Amino acid sequence: MGERFLRWFDTGLWAAHGLVFDIGNATRNALDRISLGTPAGEAGGRDPYDNGNGSLMRILPVVLASFQIDEDTFITRLERASAITHGHARSKMACVFFGFIARALLGGLTREDALRQAQACFAGSYERSGEFPHFAAVMRDDFASTSERRIESGGYVIDTLTASIWCLLTTNSFSDCVLKAVNLGDDTDTTGCVAGGLAGVFYGVEAIPADWLAALPRQEDLRTLFSQFGKSLSEP
């Protein structure tokens, strides 16, 4: 993964138009470390100020590729994938919380039941961690009733996690979820990405508006990539 990230950074591998036009400081610094020989799993920053949302916004494929394995391995994979660019425990835990709720949705649970299952799994794994209190908002029993004025949507990983789950819980379609996420403002593309990932898992690809799909670049490449990924998930 680290080598592929460098190819994206250096040559635009899988960039929408072959050009990297935006990259966060934490990700840039981590990829610089990898290019200088730091092992990928140790490259992500571990300072509290390194808790941007860069690893959270790219974690869904790892969740999809791992959702049928045992819980301990599932957690380890998500933490390791995060650590390539975001190595602080808070960022890794945010990826795991996202993974728990996505995994529950993939298992056919309702949004509310998926959140409750994610909360239970997360508490079982991290309740003794000093970082656990930072997740108080998403651990609340009445989280879905949180007022919009209390939802932050900046680049901080906890804000993005909270906002994306809240958008899923407070809308009733894929498009409404993504539009609500984007309209929160601030880091709109990342919040929309993370919320859209959850909405895609819950509502399915058929729920994505056709005109949104038609606007995507590299259509043939995307179809090939998704086909290969789907095939790999079905193999033993």
Protein backbone atom coordinates (compact mmCIF):
# COMPACT_ATOMS: atom_id res chain seq x y z
CA MET A 1 0.00 0.00 0.00
CA GLY A 2 2.81 2.37 0.82
CA GLU A 3 4.39 1.84 -2.60
CA ARG A 4 1.05 2.44 -4.33
CA PHE A 5 0.53 5.63 -2.33
CA LEU A 6 3.92 6.85 -3.51
CA ARG A 7 2.96 6.12 -7.11
CA TRP A 8 -0.20 8.17 -6.60
CA PHE A 9 1.84 10.98 -5.05
CA ASP A 10 4.65 10.94 -7.63
CA THR A 11 2.85 10.04 -10.87
CA GLY A 12 -0.88 10.52 -10.24
CA LEU A 13 -1.71 6.79 -10.17
CA TRP A 14 -5.53 6.54 -10.03
CA ALA A 15 -5.92 10.29 -9.66
CA ALA A 16 -9.11 11.40 -11.40
CA HIS A 17 -7.27 13.27 -14.13
CA GLY A 18 -3.76 11.93 -13.60
CA LEU A 19 -2.80 14.80 -11.32
CA VAL A 20 -2.68 15.05 -7.52
CA PHE A 21 -4.28 18.41 -6.82
CA ASP A 22 -4.75 18.28 -3.04
CA ILE A 23 -2.91 16.51 -0.24
CA GLY A 24 -2.97 17.04 3.51
CA ASN A 25 0.17 17.86 5.44
CA ALA A 26 0.07 14.66 7.50
CA THR A 27 -0.23 12.52 4.36
CA ARG A 28 2.50 14.47 2.56
CA ASN A 29 4.88 14.12 5.49
CA ALA A 30 4.18 10.40 5.81
CA LEU A 31 4.79 9.74 2.12
CA ASP A 32 8.01 11.74 2.30
CA ARG A 33 9.13 9.44 5.12
CA ILE A 34 8.30 6.34 3.07
CA SER A 35 10.26 7.70 0.11
CA LEU A 36 13.26 8.10 2.44
CA GLY A 37 13.06 4.50 3.63
CA THR A 38 10.71 4.51 6.61
CA PRO A 39 8.58 1.31 6.63
CA ALA A 40 5.05 2.17 5.53
CA GLY A 41 3.47 0.92 8.74
CA GLU A 42 5.59 3.35 10.75
CA ALA A 43 5.33 6.39 8.50
CA GLY A 44 2.16 8.03 9.80
CA GLY A 45 2.52 10.88 12.28
CA ARG A 46 1.78 10.05 15.91
CA ASP A 47 1.36 13.52 17.38
CA PRO A 48 -2.13 14.62 18.53
CA TYR A 49 -1.96 17.32 15.87
CA ASP A 50 -1.63 14.62 13.19
CA ASN A 51 -5.26 13.55 13.61
CA GLY A 52 -6.61 14.77 10.31
CA ASN A 53 -9.17 12.75 8.38
CA GLY A 54 -6.92 11.45 5.61
CA SER A 55 -6.84 7.79 6.64
CA LEU A 56 -10.54 7.71 7.50
CA MET A 57 -11.54 8.88 4.03
CA ARG A 58 -9.69 5.98 2.35
CA ILE A 59 -10.39 3.14 4.77
CA LEU A 60 -13.60 1.72 3.22
CA PRO A 61 -11.89 -0.60 0.67
CA VAL A 62 -9.92 -2.15 3.54
CA VAL A 63 -13.19 -2.69 5.41
CA LEU A 64 -14.79 -4.31 2.37
CA ALA A 65 -11.81 -6.58 1.82
CA SER A 66 -11.76 -7.64 5.47
CA PHE A 67 -15.32 -7.65 6.78
CA GLN A 68 -15.65 -11.45 6.91
CA ILE A 69 -12.53 -12.11 8.99
CA ASP A 70 -12.35 -12.39 12.77
CA GLU A 71 -12.68 -9.20 14.79
CA ASP A 72 -9.10 -9.04 16.11
CA THR A 73 -7.62 -9.35 12.61
CA PHE A 74 -10.19 -6.88 11.28
CA ILE A 75 -9.09 -4.29 13.85
CA THR A 76 -5.40 -4.91 13.18
CA ARG A 77 -5.80 -4.49 9.42
CA LEU A 78 -7.64 -1.20 9.77
CA GLU A 79 -5.15 0.16 12.29
CA ARG A 80 -2.20 -0.81 10.09
CA ALA A 81 -3.79 0.72 7.00
CA SER A 82 -4.41 3.97 8.86
CA ALA A 83 -0.87 4.08 10.23
CA ILE A 84 0.64 4.46 6.76
CA THR A 85 -0.35 8.13 6.86
CA HIS A 86 -2.02 8.63 10.27
CA GLY A 87 -0.38 6.69 13.07
CA HIS A 88 -1.89 8.30 16.16
CA ALA A 89 -4.18 6.02 18.15
CA ARG A 90 -7.13 8.38 17.71
CA SER A 91 -6.99 8.20 13.92
CA LYS A 92 -6.60 4.43 13.96
CA MET A 93 -9.52 4.07 16.36
CA ALA A 94 -11.70 6.31 14.18
CA CYS A 95 -11.03 4.02 11.23
CA VAL A 96 -12.00 1.03 13.34
CA PHE A 97 -15.25 2.64 14.54
CA PHE A 98 -16.12 3.40 10.93
CA GLY A 99 -15.22 -0.17 10.07
CA PHE A 100 -17.48 -1.56 12.78
CA ILE A 101 -20.52 0.36 11.58
CA ALA A 102 -19.85 -0.40 7.90
CA ARG A 103 -19.38 -4.06 8.76
CA ALA A 104 -22.69 -4.11 10.61
CA LEU A 105 -24.46 -2.46 7.66
CA LEU A 106 -22.95 -5.05 5.33
CA GLY A 107 -24.42 -7.69 7.62
CA GLY A 108 -27.90 -6.35 6.95
CA LEU A 109 -28.55 -4.41 10.15
CA THR A 110 -30.57 -1.21 10.22
CA ARG A 111 -28.66 2.03 10.63
CA GLU A 112 -29.65 2.30 14.29
CA ASP A 113 -28.78 -1.32 15.08
CA ALA A 114 -25.50 -0.99 13.18
CA LEU A 115 -24.56 1.99 15.32
CA ARG A 116 -25.43 0.13 18.52
CA GLN A 117 -23.37 -2.87 17.44
CA ALA A 118 -20.46 -0.63 16.50
CA GLN A 119 -20.64 1.12 19.87
CA ALA A 120 -20.59 -2.22 21.71
CA CYS A 121 -17.67 -3.59 19.69
CA PHE A 122 -15.74 -0.35 20.02
CA ALA A 123 -16.22 -0.19 23.78
CA GLY A 124 -15.15 -3.81 24.10
CA SER A 125 -11.93 -3.09 22.24
CA TYR A 126 -10.96 0.39 23.44
CA GLU A 127 -12.82 1.31 26.62
CA ARG A 128 -9.58 1.28 28.62
CA SER A 129 -7.73 3.44 26.09
CA GLY A 130 -6.92 6.99 27.09
CA GLU A 131 -8.29 8.02 23.69
CA PHE A 132 -11.74 6.56 24.34
CA PRO A 133 -13.25 9.79 25.77
CA HIS A 134 -12.65 11.56 22.43
CA PHE A 135 -15.39 9.35 20.96
CA ALA A 136 -18.04 10.41 23.46
CA ALA A 137 -20.32 11.96 20.82
CA VAL A 138 -20.68 8.81 18.69
CA MET A 139 -21.02 6.63 21.79
CA ARG A 140 -24.10 8.44 23.05
CA ASP A 141 -27.39 6.50 23.09
CA ASP A 142 -29.19 9.54 21.67
CA PHE A 143 -26.53 10.38 19.08
CA ALA A 144 -29.02 10.46 16.18
CA SER A 145 -30.98 13.26 17.86
CA THR A 146 -27.94 15.56 18.05
CA SER A 147 -28.74 19.05 16.78
CA GLU A 148 -27.05 20.07 13.53
CA ARG A 149 -25.52 23.10 15.22
CA ARG A 150 -23.45 20.70 17.34
CA ILE A 151 -22.08 18.82 14.31
CA GLU A 152 -18.63 19.97 13.21
CA SER A 153 -17.32 19.10 9.76
CA GLY A 154 -13.74 20.30 9.60
CA GLY A 155 -10.61 18.29 8.91
CA TYR A 156 -10.31 16.75 12.38
CA VAL A 157 -10.86 12.99 12.21
CA ILE A 158 -13.36 12.90 15.08
CA ASP A 159 -15.44 15.64 13.45
CA THR A 160 -15.51 13.79 10.13
CA LEU A 161 -16.44 10.48 11.74
CA THR A 162 -19.19 12.11 13.80
CA ALA A 163 -20.63 14.15 10.94
CA SER A 164 -20.67 11.27 8.46
CA ILE A 165 -22.50 8.88 10.79
CA TRP A 166 -24.94 11.62 11.81
CA CYS A 167 -25.74 12.33 8.14
CA LEU A 168 -26.45 8.64 7.54
CA LEU A 169 -28.75 8.44 10.56
CA THR A 170 -30.71 11.62 9.80
CA THR A 171 -31.49 11.10 6.09
CA ASN A 172 -33.35 8.49 4.09
CA SER A 173 -31.54 8.18 0.76
CA PHE A 174 -28.03 8.04 -0.65
CA SER A 175 -28.26 11.45 -2.29
CA ASP A 176 -29.80 13.15 0.74
CA CYS A 177 -27.04 11.76 2.96
CA VAL A 178 -24.24 13.00 0.71
CA LEU A 179 -25.85 16.38 0.09
CA LYS A 180 -26.40 16.89 3.80
CA ALA A 181 -22.76 16.05 4.46
CA VAL A 182 -21.51 18.45 1.80
CA ASN A 183 -23.82 21.23 2.95
CA LEU A 184 -22.39 21.12 6.46
CA GLY A 185 -19.52 23.10 4.97
CA ASP A 186 -15.84 23.22 5.96
CA ASP A 187 -14.08 20.05 4.70
CA THR A 188 -16.93 19.22 2.34
CA ASP A 189 -15.24 16.72 0.04
CA THR A 190 -13.97 14.48 2.81
CA THR A 191 -17.17 14.57 4.86
CA GLY A 192 -19.11 13.77 1.69
CA CYS A 193 -16.71 10.94 0.89
CA VAL A 194 -16.97 9.27 4.30
CA ALA A 195 -20.74 9.76 4.59
CA GLY A 196 -21.15 8.57 0.99
CA GLY A 197 -19.20 5.42 1.78
CA LEU A 198 -21.58 4.50 4.57
CA ALA A 199 -24.61 5.43 2.47
CA GLY A 200 -23.31 3.35 -0.42
CA VAL A 201 -22.92 0.32 1.81
CA PHE A 202 -26.43 0.78 3.22
CA TYR A 203 -28.42 1.76 0.10
CA GLY A 204 -26.39 0.00 -2.62
CA VAL A 205 -24.99 1.20 -5.92
CA GLU A 206 -28.43 1.32 -7.52
CA ALA A 207 -29.32 4.19 -5.17
CA ILE A 208 -26.62 6.48 -6.56
CA PRO A 209 -28.16 9.02 -9.00
CA ALA A 210 -27.35 8.16 -12.60
CA ASP A 211 -26.22 11.69 -13.40
CA TRP A 212 -23.73 11.54 -10.52
CA LEU A 213 -22.23 8.34 -11.90
CA ALA A 214 -22.15 9.77 -15.41
CA ALA A 215 -20.04 12.70 -14.20
CA LEU A 216 -17.22 10.45 -12.96
CA PRO A 217 -14.01 10.47 -15.03
CA ARG A 218 -12.26 7.29 -16.21
CA GLN A 219 -15.48 5.29 -16.45
CA GLU A 220 -13.95 2.23 -18.12
CA ASP A 221 -11.05 2.15 -15.67
CA LEU A 222 -13.46 2.34 -12.77
CA ARG A 223 -15.62 -0.49 -14.07
CA THR A 224 -12.54 -2.68 -14.53
CA LEU A 225 -11.20 -1.82 -11.09
CA PHE A 226 -14.51 -2.48 -9.35
CA SER A 227 -14.98 -5.74 -11.24
CA GLN A 228 -11.55 -6.98 -10.19
CA PHE A 229 -12.13 -5.90 -6.59
CA GLY A 230 -15.52 -7.59 -6.45
CA LYS A 231 -14.06 -10.79 -7.88
CA SER A 232 -11.30 -10.79 -5.28
CA LEU A 233 -13.90 -10.52 -2.49
CA SER A 234 -15.77 -13.57 -3.77
CA GLU A 235 -12.68 -15.77 -3.91
CA PRO A 236 -11.90 -18.03 -0.91
